[in-house]
């Protein structure tokens, strides 16, 4: 982050939005907008934001897998057939 370019007052964004949007697209870095000197919002290029969403989804999937493997290692799992049989019995679904 370049604090001289990536942190801007909201009024600067309002008055120079086209220039800041070009900066976002060129750098792929977010811009922090301030109000009264305090961070109020973050503006980000759509492509960079999508990349961030993709990374978050990957991290979430990896964490789910890690937790599942930990559950298996610690004996907190049951065979799928047992679970499916239980579901079928609860809902009167024939096998």
PDB file of N, CA and C in Angstrom:
ATOM      1  N   UNK A   1       0.846  -1.177   0.000  1.00  0.00           N
ATOM      2  CA  UNK A   1       0.000   0.000   0.000  1.00  0.00           C
ATOM      3  C   UNK A   1       0.889   1.238   0.000  1.00  0.00           C
ATOM      4  N   UNK A   2       0.545   2.181  -0.838  1.00  0.00           N
ATOM      5  CA  UNK A   2       1.249   3.466  -0.909  1.00  0.00           C
ATOM      6  C   UNK A   2       0.353   4.504  -0.243  1.00  0.00           C
ATOM      7  N   UNK A   3       0.668   4.874   0.997  1.00  0.00           N
ATOM      8  CA  UNK A   3      -0.241   5.741   1.743  1.00  0.00           C
ATOM      9  C   UNK A   3      -0.426   7.117   1.112  1.00  0.00           C
ATOM     10  N   UNK A   4       0.498   7.528   0.262  1.00  0.00           N
ATOM     11  CA  UNK A   4       0.331   8.832  -0.389  1.00  0.00           C
ATOM     12  C   UNK A   4      -0.689   8.779  -1.518  1.00  0.00           C
ATOM     13  N   UNK A   5      -0.964   7.565  -2.040  1.00  0.00           N
ATOM     14  CA  UNK A   5      -1.914   7.428  -3.148  1.00  0.00           C
ATOM     15  C   UNK A   5      -3.108   6.549  -2.800  1.00  0.00           C
ATOM     16  N   UNK A   6      -2.946   5.640  -1.835  1.00  0.00           N
ATOM     17  CA  UNK A   6      -3.982   4.650  -1.562  1.00  0.00           C
ATOM     18  C   UNK A   6      -4.873   5.009  -0.380  1.00  0.00           C
ATOM     19  N   UNK A   7      -4.629   6.125   0.259  1.00  0.00           N
ATOM     20  CA  UNK A   7      -5.520   6.630   1.300  1.00  0.00           C
ATOM     21  C   UNK A   7      -5.906   8.041   0.883  1.00  0.00           C
ATOM     22  N   UNK A   8      -7.190   8.248   0.672  1.00  0.00           N
ATOM     23  CA  UNK A   8      -7.661   9.534   0.161  1.00  0.00           C
ATOM     24  C   UNK A   8      -8.909   9.979   0.923  1.00  0.00           C
ATOM     25  N   UNK A   9      -9.052  11.288   1.104  1.00  0.00           N
ATOM     26  CA  UNK A   9     -10.298  11.788   1.687  1.00  0.00           C
ATOM     27  C   UNK A   9     -11.475  11.533   0.738  1.00  0.00           C
ATOM     28  N   UNK A  10     -12.635  11.330   1.315  1.00  0.00           N
ATOM     29  CA  UNK A  10     -13.836  11.104   0.514  1.00  0.00           C
ATOM     30  C   UNK A  10     -14.062  12.250  -0.470  1.00  0.00           C
ATOM     31  N   UNK A  11     -13.770  13.473  -0.067  1.00  0.00           N
ATOM     32  CA  UNK A  11     -13.975  14.616  -0.970  1.00  0.00           C
ATOM     33  C   UNK A  11     -13.064  14.523  -2.191  1.00  0.00           C
ATOM     34  N   UNK A  12     -11.851  14.025  -2.013  1.00  0.00           N
ATOM     35  CA  UNK A  12     -10.953  13.845  -3.164  1.00  0.00           C
ATOM     36  C   UNK A  12     -11.543  12.804  -4.115  1.00  0.00           C
ATOM     37  N   UNK A  13     -12.073  11.741  -3.555  1.00  0.00           N
ATOM     38  CA  UNK A  13     -12.701  10.711  -4.397  1.00  0.00           C
ATOM     39  C   UNK A  13     -13.884  11.308  -5.153  1.00  0.00           C
ATOM     40  N   UNK A  14     -14.689  12.085  -4.462  1.00  0.00           N
ATOM     41  CA  UNK A  14     -15.846  12.697  -5.103  1.00  0.00           C
ATOM     42  C   UNK A  14     -15.416  13.618  -6.240  1.00  0.00           C
ATOM     43  N   UNK A  15     -14.363  14.387  -6.023  1.00  0.00           N
ATOM     44  CA  UNK A  15     -13.941  15.377  -7.009  1.00  0.00           C
ATOM     45  C   UNK A  15     -13.050  14.809  -8.108  1.00  0.00           C
ATOM     46  N   UNK A  16     -12.431  13.649  -7.868  1.00  0.00           N
ATOM     47  CA  UNK A  16     -11.496  13.074  -8.836  1.00  0.00           C
ATOM     48  C   UNK A  16     -11.759  11.582  -9.043  1.00  0.00           C
ATOM     49  N   UNK A  17     -13.009  11.206  -9.072  1.00  0.00           N
ATOM     50  CA  UNK A  17     -13.348   9.777  -9.117  1.00  0.00           C
ATOM     51  C   UNK A  17     -12.810   9.075 -10.364  1.00  0.00           C
ATOM     52  N   UNK A  18     -12.841   9.723 -11.513  1.00  0.00           N
ATOM     53  CA  UNK A  18     -12.340   9.078 -12.734  1.00  0.00           C
ATOM     54  C   UNK A  18     -10.851   8.772 -12.615  1.00  0.00           C
ATOM     55  N   UNK A  19     -10.097   9.709 -12.083  1.00  0.00           N
ATOM     56  CA  UNK A  19      -8.654   9.516 -11.903  1.00  0.00           C
ATOM     57  C   UNK A  19      -8.384   8.390 -10.893  1.00  0.00           C
ATOM     58  N   UNK A  20      -9.118   8.373  -9.809  1.00  0.00           N
ATOM     59  CA  UNK A  20      -8.927   7.327  -8.801  1.00  0.00           C
ATOM     60  C   UNK A  20      -9.339   5.966  -9.357  1.00  0.00           C
ATOM     61  N   UNK A  21     -10.379   5.925 -10.166  1.00  0.00           N
ATOM     62  CA  UNK A  21     -10.792   4.655 -10.779  1.00  0.00           C
ATOM     63  C   UNK A  21      -9.703   4.135 -11.724  1.00  0.00           C
ATOM     64  N   UNK A  22      -9.044   5.017 -12.463  1.00  0.00           N
ATOM     65  CA  UNK A  22      -7.923   4.594 -13.317  1.00  0.00           C
ATOM     66  C   UNK A  22      -6.791   4.041 -12.456  1.00  0.00           C
ATOM     67  N   UNK A  23      -6.515   4.713 -11.337  1.00  0.00           N
ATOM     68  CA  UNK A  23      -5.484   4.266 -10.402  1.00  0.00           C
ATOM     69  C   UNK A  23      -5.816   2.863  -9.881  1.00  0.00           C
ATOM     70  N   UNK A  24      -7.072   2.634  -9.528  1.00  0.00           N
ATOM     71  CA  UNK A  24      -7.501   1.307  -9.053  1.00  0.00           C
ATOM     72  C   UNK A  24      -7.239   0.242 -10.105  1.00  0.00           C
ATOM     73  N   UNK A  25      -7.638   0.532 -11.329  1.00  0.00           N
ATOM     74  CA  UNK A  25      -7.486  -0.436 -12.420  1.00  0.00           C
ATOM     75  C   UNK A  25      -6.010  -0.698 -12.715  1.00  0.00           C
ATOM     76  N   UNK A  26      -5.199   0.345 -12.698  1.00  0.00           N
ATOM     77  CA  UNK A  26      -3.780   0.200 -13.016  1.00  0.00           C
ATOM     78  C   UNK A  26      -3.001  -0.539 -11.930  1.00  0.00           C
ATOM     79  N   UNK A  27      -3.268  -0.228 -10.677  1.00  0.00           N
ATOM     80  CA  UNK A  27      -2.470  -0.779  -9.582  1.00  0.00           C
ATOM     81  C   UNK A  27      -3.040  -2.053  -8.977  1.00  0.00           C
ATOM     82  N   UNK A  28      -4.355  -2.260  -9.128  1.00  0.00           N
ATOM     83  CA  UNK A  28      -5.067  -3.394  -8.492  1.00  0.00           C
ATOM     84  C   UNK A  28      -5.035  -3.294  -6.970  1.00  0.00           C
ATOM     85  N   UNK A  29      -4.618  -2.137  -6.445  1.00  0.00           N
ATOM     86  CA  UNK A  29      -4.597  -1.926  -4.996  1.00  0.00           C
ATOM     87  C   UNK A  29      -5.862  -1.188  -4.586  1.00  0.00           C
ATOM     88  N   UNK A  30      -6.409  -1.520  -3.421  1.00  0.00           N
ATOM     89  CA  UNK A  30      -7.591  -0.792  -2.948  1.00  0.00           C
ATOM     90  C   UNK A  30      -7.212   0.616  -2.493  1.00  0.00           C
ATOM     91  N   UNK A  31      -8.197   1.471  -2.453  1.00  0.00           N
ATOM     92  CA  UNK A  31      -8.015   2.825  -1.938  1.00  0.00           C
ATOM     93  C   UNK A  31      -8.900   2.963  -0.698  1.00  0.00           C
ATOM     94  N   UNK A  32      -8.297   3.401   0.380  1.00  0.00           N
ATOM     95  CA  UNK A  32      -9.033   3.645   1.620  1.00  0.00           C
ATOM     96  C   UNK A  32      -9.532   5.082   1.580  1.00  0.00           C
ATOM     97  N   UNK A  33     -10.833   5.259   1.743  1.00  0.00           N
ATOM     98  CA  UNK A  33     -11.425   6.596   1.759  1.00  0.00           C
ATOM     99  C   UNK A  33     -11.665   6.998   3.206  1.00  0.00           C
ATOM    100  N   UNK A  34     -11.305   8.236   3.517  1.00  0.00           N
ATOM    101  CA  UNK A  34     -11.446   8.710   4.887  1.00  0.00           C
ATOM    102  C   UNK A  34     -12.500   9.810   4.981  1.00  0.00           C
ATOM    103  N   UNK A  35     -13.087   9.883   6.164  1.00  0.00           N
ATOM    104  CA  UNK A  35     -13.994  10.977   6.509  1.00  0.00           C
ATOM    105  C   UNK A  35     -13.497  11.512   7.843  1.00  0.00           C
ATOM    106  N   UNK A  36     -13.212  12.789   7.871  1.00  0.00           N
ATOM    107  CA  UNK A  36     -12.654  13.414   9.081  1.00  0.00           C
ATOM    108  C   UNK A  36     -11.402  12.691   9.560  1.00  0.00           C
ATOM    109  N   UNK A  37     -10.574  12.239   8.621  1.00  0.00           N
ATOM    110  CA  UNK A  37      -9.306  11.611   8.954  1.00  0.00           C
ATOM    111  C   UNK A  37      -9.382  10.151   9.377  1.00  0.00           C
ATOM    112  N   UNK A  38     -10.576   9.580   9.397  1.00  0.00           N
ATOM    113  CA  UNK A  38     -10.740   8.187   9.811  1.00  0.00           C
ATOM    114  C   UNK A  38     -11.199   7.338   8.629  1.00  0.00           C
ATOM    115  N   UNK A  39     -10.675   6.126   8.540  1.00  0.00           N
ATOM    116  CA  UNK A  39     -11.072   5.215   7.458  1.00  0.00           C
ATOM    117  C   UNK A  39     -12.574   5.010   7.500  1.00  0.00           C
ATOM    118  N   UNK A  40     -13.225   5.183   6.341  1.00  0.00           N
ATOM    119  CA  UNK A  40     -14.678   5.043   6.271  1.00  0.00           C
ATOM    120  C   UNK A  40     -15.111   3.995   5.251  1.00  0.00           C
ATOM    121  N   UNK A  41     -14.311   3.806   4.207  1.00  0.00           N
ATOM    122  CA  UNK A  41     -14.685   2.860   3.154  1.00  0.00           C
ATOM    123  C   UNK A  41     -13.438   2.443   2.393  1.00  0.00           C
ATOM    124  N   UNK A  42     -13.564   1.303   1.711  1.00  0.00           N
ATOM    125  CA  UNK A  42     -12.489   0.823   0.849  1.00  0.00           C
ATOM    126  C   UNK A  42     -13.086   0.628  -0.535  1.00  0.00           C
ATOM    127  N   UNK A  43     -12.425   1.197  -1.531  1.00  0.00           N
ATOM    128  CA  UNK A  43     -12.860   1.060  -2.919  1.00  0.00           C
ATOM    129  C   UNK A  43     -11.829   0.195  -3.621  1.00  0.00           C
ATOM    130  N   UNK A  44     -12.331  -0.773  -4.397  1.00  0.00           N
ATOM    131  CA  UNK A  44     -11.416  -1.719  -5.029  1.00  0.00           C
ATOM    132  C   UNK A  44     -11.876  -2.024  -6.451  1.00  0.00           C
ATOM    133  N   UNK A  45     -10.925  -2.257  -7.328  1.00  0.00           N
ATOM    134  CA  UNK A  45     -11.188  -2.672  -8.700  1.00  0.00           C
ATOM    135  C   UNK A  45     -11.967  -3.989  -8.678  1.00  0.00           C
ATOM    136  N   UNK A  46     -12.944  -4.145  -9.554  1.00  0.00           N
ATOM    137  CA  UNK A  46     -13.799  -5.328  -9.562  1.00  0.00           C
ATOM    138  C   UNK A  46     -13.001  -6.618  -9.773  1.00  0.00           C
ATOM    139  N   UNK A  47     -12.020  -6.603 -10.652  1.00  0.00           N
ATOM    140  CA  UNK A  47     -11.204  -7.788 -10.906  1.00  0.00           C
ATOM    141  C   UNK A  47     -10.397  -8.181  -9.669  1.00  0.00           C
ATOM    142  N   UNK A  48      -9.833  -7.187  -8.994  1.00  0.00           N
ATOM    143  CA  UNK A  48      -9.071  -7.453  -7.774  1.00  0.00           C
ATOM    144  C   UNK A  48      -9.992  -7.972  -6.672  1.00  0.00           C
ATOM    145  N   UNK A  49     -11.209  -7.432  -6.608  1.00  0.00           N
ATOM    146  CA  UNK A  49     -12.173  -7.893  -5.605  1.00  0.00           C
ATOM    147  C   UNK A  49     -12.571  -9.347  -5.880  1.00  0.00           C
ATOM    148  N   UNK A  50     -12.793  -9.683  -7.138  1.00  0.00           N
ATOM    149  CA  UNK A  50     -13.135 -11.063  -7.478  1.00  0.00           C
ATOM    150  C   UNK A  50     -12.004 -12.011  -7.088  1.00  0.00           C
ATOM    151  N   UNK A  51     -10.770 -11.581  -7.307  1.00  0.00           N
ATOM    152  CA  UNK A  51      -9.613 -12.385  -6.902  1.00  0.00           C
ATOM    153  C   UNK A  51      -9.630 -12.611  -5.389  1.00  0.00           C
ATOM    154  N   UNK A  52      -9.948 -11.566  -4.637  1.00  0.00           N
ATOM    155  CA  UNK A  52     -10.040 -11.675  -3.185  1.00  0.00           C
ATOM    156  C   UNK A  52     -11.136 -12.661  -2.774  1.00  0.00           C
ATOM    157  N   UNK A  53     -12.286 -12.601  -3.443  1.00  0.00           N
ATOM    158  CA  UNK A  53     -13.367 -13.554  -3.164  1.00  0.00           C
ATOM    159  C   UNK A  53     -12.936 -14.982  -3.464  1.00  0.00           C
ATOM    160  N   UNK A  54     -12.229 -15.172  -4.566  1.00  0.00           N
ATOM    161  CA  UNK A  54     -11.747 -16.512  -4.936  1.00  0.00           C
ATOM    162  C   UNK A  54     -10.774 -17.047  -3.883  1.00  0.00           C
ATOM    163  N   UNK A  55      -9.879 -16.197  -3.422  1.00  0.00           N
ATOM    164  CA  UNK A  55      -8.928 -16.615  -2.381  1.00  0.00           C
ATOM    165  C   UNK A  55      -9.659 -16.991  -1.089  1.00  0.00           C
ATOM    166  N   UNK A  56     -10.670 -16.222  -0.735  1.00  0.00           N
ATOM    167  CA  UNK A  56     -11.437 -16.513   0.482  1.00  0.00           C
ATOM    168  C   UNK A  56     -12.166 -17.840   0.345  1.00  0.00           C
ATOM    169  N   UNK A  57     -12.722 -18.120  -0.828  1.00  0.00           N
ATOM    170  CA  UNK A  57     -13.424 -19.384  -1.047  1.00  0.00           C
ATOM    171  C   UNK A  57     -12.455 -20.563  -0.958  1.00  0.00           C
ATOM    172  N   UNK A  58     -11.275 -20.406  -1.536  1.00  0.00           N
ATOM    173  CA  UNK A  58     -10.266 -21.464  -1.464  1.00  0.00           C
ATOM    174  C   UNK A  58      -9.839 -21.706  -0.018  1.00  0.00           C
ATOM    175  N   UNK A  59      -9.638 -20.636   0.717  1.00  0.00           N
ATOM    176  CA  UNK A  59      -9.231 -20.768   2.118  1.00  0.00           C
ATOM    177  C   UNK A  59     -10.318 -21.447   2.935  1.00  0.00           C
ATOM    178  N   UNK A  60     -11.568 -21.121   2.654  1.00  0.00           N
ATOM    179  CA  UNK A  60     -12.685 -21.728   3.366  1.00  0.00           C
ATOM    180  C   UNK A  60     -12.766 -23.224   3.072  1.00  0.00           C
ATOM    181  N   UNK A  61     -12.592 -23.588   1.805  1.00  0.00           N
ATOM    182  CA  UNK A  61     -12.622 -25.007   1.431  1.00  0.00           C
ATOM    183  C   UNK A  61     -11.466 -25.754   2.089  1.00  0.00           C
ATOM    184  N   UNK A  62     -10.293 -25.169   2.071  1.00  0.00           N
ATOM    185  CA  UNK A  62      -9.127 -25.813   2.677  1.00  0.00           C
ATOM    186  C   UNK A  62      -9.334 -25.994   4.184  1.00  0.00           C
ATOM    187  N   UNK A  63      -9.925 -25.005   4.827  1.00  0.00           N
ATOM    188  CA  UNK A  63     -10.188 -25.110   6.272  1.00  0.00           C
ATOM    189  C   UNK A  63     -11.217 -26.207   6.542  1.00  0.00           C
ATOM    190  N   UNK A  64     -12.229 -26.316   5.706  1.00  0.00           N
ATOM    191  CA  UNK A  64     -13.225 -27.382   5.870  1.00  0.00           C
ATOM    192  C   UNK A  64     -12.594 -28.758   5.740  1.00  0.00           C
ATOM    193  N   UNK A  65     -11.710 -28.905   4.786  1.00  0.00           N
ATOM    194  CA  UNK A  65     -11.008 -30.184   4.593  1.00  0.00           C
ATOM    195  C   UNK A  65     -10.112 -30.461   5.802  1.00  0.00           C
ATOM    196  N   UNK A  66      -9.404 -29.448   6.260  1.00  0.00           N
ATOM    197  CA  UNK A  66      -8.533 -29.625   7.419  1.00  0.00           C
ATOM    198  C   UNK A  66      -9.328 -30.073   8.636  1.00  0.00           C
ATOM    199  N   UNK A  67     -10.486 -29.443   8.854  1.00  0.00           N
ATOM    200  CA  UNK A  67     -11.321 -29.808   9.999  1.00  0.00           C
ATOM    201  C   UNK A  67     -11.850 -31.235   9.853  1.00  0.00           C
ATOM    202  N   UNK A  68     -12.243 -31.611   8.638  1.00  0.00           N
ATOM    203  CA  UNK A  68     -12.730 -32.963   8.404  1.00  0.00           C
ATOM    204  C   UNK A  68     -11.659 -34.010   8.672  1.00  0.00           C
ATOM    205  N   UNK A  69     -10.448 -33.737   8.220  1.00  0.00           N
ATOM    206  CA  UNK A  69      -9.342 -34.665   8.466  1.00  0.00           C
ATOM    207  C   UNK A  69      -9.027 -34.761   9.962  1.00  0.00           C
ATOM    208  N   UNK A  70      -9.112 -33.630  10.631  1.00  0.00           N
ATOM    209  CA  UNK A  70      -8.884 -33.628  12.087  1.00  0.00           C
ATOM    210  C   UNK A  70      -9.972 -34.447  12.794  1.00  0.00           C
ATOM    211  N   UNK A  71     -11.217 -34.275  12.377  1.00  0.00           N
ATOM    212  CA  UNK A  71     -12.317 -35.054  12.967  1.00  0.00           C
ATOM    213  C   UNK A  71     -12.088 -36.549  12.770  1.00  0.00           C
ATOM    214  N   UNK A  72     -11.665 -36.930  11.584  1.00  0.00           N
ATOM    215  CA  UNK A  72     -11.410 -38.348  11.314  1.00  0.00           C
ATOM    216  C   UNK A  72     -10.273 -38.865  12.199  1.00  0.00           C
ATOM    217  N   UNK A  73      -9.210 -38.100  12.309  1.00  0.00           N
ATOM    218  CA  UNK A  73      -8.056 -38.522  13.110  1.00  0.00           C
ATOM    219  C   UNK A  73      -8.418 -38.649  14.589  1.00  0.00           C
ATOM    220  N   UNK A  74      -9.354 -37.827  15.052  1.00  0.00           N
ATOM    221  CA  UNK A  74      -9.753 -37.844  16.451  1.00  0.00           C
ATOM    222  C   UNK A  74     -10.969 -38.736  16.712  1.00  0.00           C
ATOM    223  N   UNK A  75     -11.383 -39.478  15.693  1.00  0.00           N
ATOM    224  CA  UNK A  75     -12.494 -40.419  15.875  1.00  0.00           C
ATOM    225  C   UNK A  75     -13.867 -39.772  15.915  1.00  0.00           C
ATOM    226  N   UNK A  76     -13.996 -38.572  15.405  1.00  0.00           N
ATOM    227  CA  UNK A  76     -15.292 -37.887  15.386  1.00  0.00           C
ATOM    228  C   UNK A  76     -15.949 -38.040  14.019  1.00  0.00           C
ATOM    229  N   UNK A  77     -16.087 -39.277  13.573  1.00  0.00           N
ATOM    230  CA  UNK A  77     -16.718 -39.528  12.282  1.00  0.00           C
ATOM    231  C   UNK A  77     -17.468 -40.857  12.346  1.00  0.00           C
ATOM    232  N   UNK A  78     -18.356 -41.053  11.372  1.00  0.00           N
ATOM    233  CA  UNK A  78     -19.100 -42.311  11.268  1.00  0.00           C
ATOM    234  C   UNK A  78     -19.105 -42.725   9.806  1.00  0.00           C
ATOM    235  N   UNK A  79     -19.242 -44.003   9.560  1.00  0.00           N
ATOM    236  CA  UNK A  79     -19.311 -44.464   8.168  1.00  0.00           C
ATOM    237  C   UNK A  79     -20.538 -43.867   7.454  1.00  0.00           C
ATOM    238  N   UNK A  80     -20.372 -43.531   6.195  1.00  0.00           N
ATOM    239  CA  UNK A  80     -21.447 -42.925   5.410  1.00  0.00           C
ATOM    240  C   UNK A  80     -22.676 -43.835   5.371  1.00  0.00           C
ATOM    241  N   UNK A  81     -22.479 -45.125   5.216  1.00  0.00           N
ATOM    242  CA  UNK A  81     -23.623 -46.048   5.145  1.00  0.00           C
ATOM    243  C   UNK A  81     -24.468 -45.953   6.406  1.00  0.00           C
ATOM    244  N   UNK A  82     -23.811 -45.865   7.565  1.00  0.00           N
ATOM    245  CA  UNK A  82     -24.525 -45.748   8.840  1.00  0.00           C
ATOM    246  C   UNK A  82     -25.366 -44.479   8.881  1.00  0.00           C
ATOM    247  N   UNK A  83     -24.803 -43.383   8.453  1.00  0.00           N
ATOM    248  CA  UNK A  83     -25.525 -42.112   8.449  1.00  0.00           C
ATOM    249  C   UNK A  83     -26.691 -42.165   7.466  1.00  0.00           C
ATOM    250  N   UNK A  84     -26.456 -42.699   6.275  1.00  0.00           N
ATOM    251  CA  UNK A  84     -27.522 -42.785   5.276  1.00  0.00           C
ATOM    252  C   UNK A  84     -28.650 -43.696   5.758  1.00  0.00           C
ATOM    253  N   UNK A  85     -28.316 -44.813   6.378  1.00  0.00           N
ATOM    254  CA  UNK A  85     -29.340 -45.711   6.925  1.00  0.00           C
ATOM    255  C   UNK A  85     -30.168 -44.993   7.989  1.00  0.00           C
ATOM    256  N   UNK A  86     -29.510 -44.195   8.808  1.00  0.00           N
ATOM    257  CA  UNK A  86     -30.210 -43.434   9.843  1.00  0.00           C
ATOM    258  C   UNK A  86     -31.172 -42.425   9.228  1.00  0.00           C
ATOM    259  N   UNK A  87     -30.737 -41.736   8.195  1.00  0.00           N
ATOM    260  CA  UNK A  87     -31.597 -40.757   7.506  1.00  0.00           C
ATOM    261  C   UNK A  87     -32.784 -41.454   6.874  1.00  0.00           C
ATOM    262  N   UNK A  88     -32.533 -42.571   6.212  1.00  0.00           N
ATOM    263  CA  UNK A  88     -33.626 -43.328   5.580  1.00  0.00           C
ATOM    264  C   UNK A  88     -34.640 -43.775   6.631  1.00  0.00           C
ATOM    265  N   UNK A  89     -34.170 -44.248   7.769  1.00  0.00           N
ATOM    266  CA  UNK A  89     -35.071 -44.729   8.824  1.00  0.00           C
ATOM    267  C   UNK A  89     -35.908 -43.571   9.385  1.00  0.00           C
ATOM    268  N   UNK A  90     -35.294 -42.413   9.561  1.00  0.00           N
ATOM    269  CA  UNK A  90     -36.014 -41.249  10.103  1.00  0.00           C
ATOM    270  C   UNK A  90     -37.097 -40.753   9.160  1.00  0.00           C
ATOM    271  N   UNK A  91     -36.908 -40.953   7.875  1.00  0.00           N
ATOM    272  CA  UNK A  91     -37.843 -40.417   6.876  1.00  0.00           C
ATOM    273  C   UNK A  91     -38.610 -41.509   6.133  1.00  0.00           C
ATOM    274  N   UNK A  92     -38.566 -42.724   6.665  1.00  0.00           N
ATOM    275  CA  UNK A  92     -39.277 -43.869   6.071  1.00  0.00           C
ATOM    276  C   UNK A  92     -38.987 -43.999   4.567  1.00  0.00           C
ATOM    277  N   UNK A  93     -37.729 -43.906   4.213  1.00  0.00           N
ATOM    278  CA  UNK A  93     -37.302 -44.057   2.819  1.00  0.00           C
ATOM    279  C   UNK A  93     -36.826 -45.495   2.650  1.00  0.00           C
ATOM    280  N   UNK A  94     -37.460 -46.232   1.725  1.00  0.00           N
ATOM    281  CA  UNK A  94     -36.999 -47.622   1.524  1.00  0.00           C
ATOM    282  C   UNK A  94     -35.610 -47.667   0.938  1.00  0.00           C
ATOM    283  N   UNK A  95     -34.936 -48.726   1.268  1.00  0.00           N
ATOM    284  CA  UNK A  95     -33.572 -48.913   0.781  1.00  0.00           C
ATOM    285  C   UNK A  95     -33.544 -49.369  -0.642  1.00  0.00           C
TER     286      UNK A  95
END
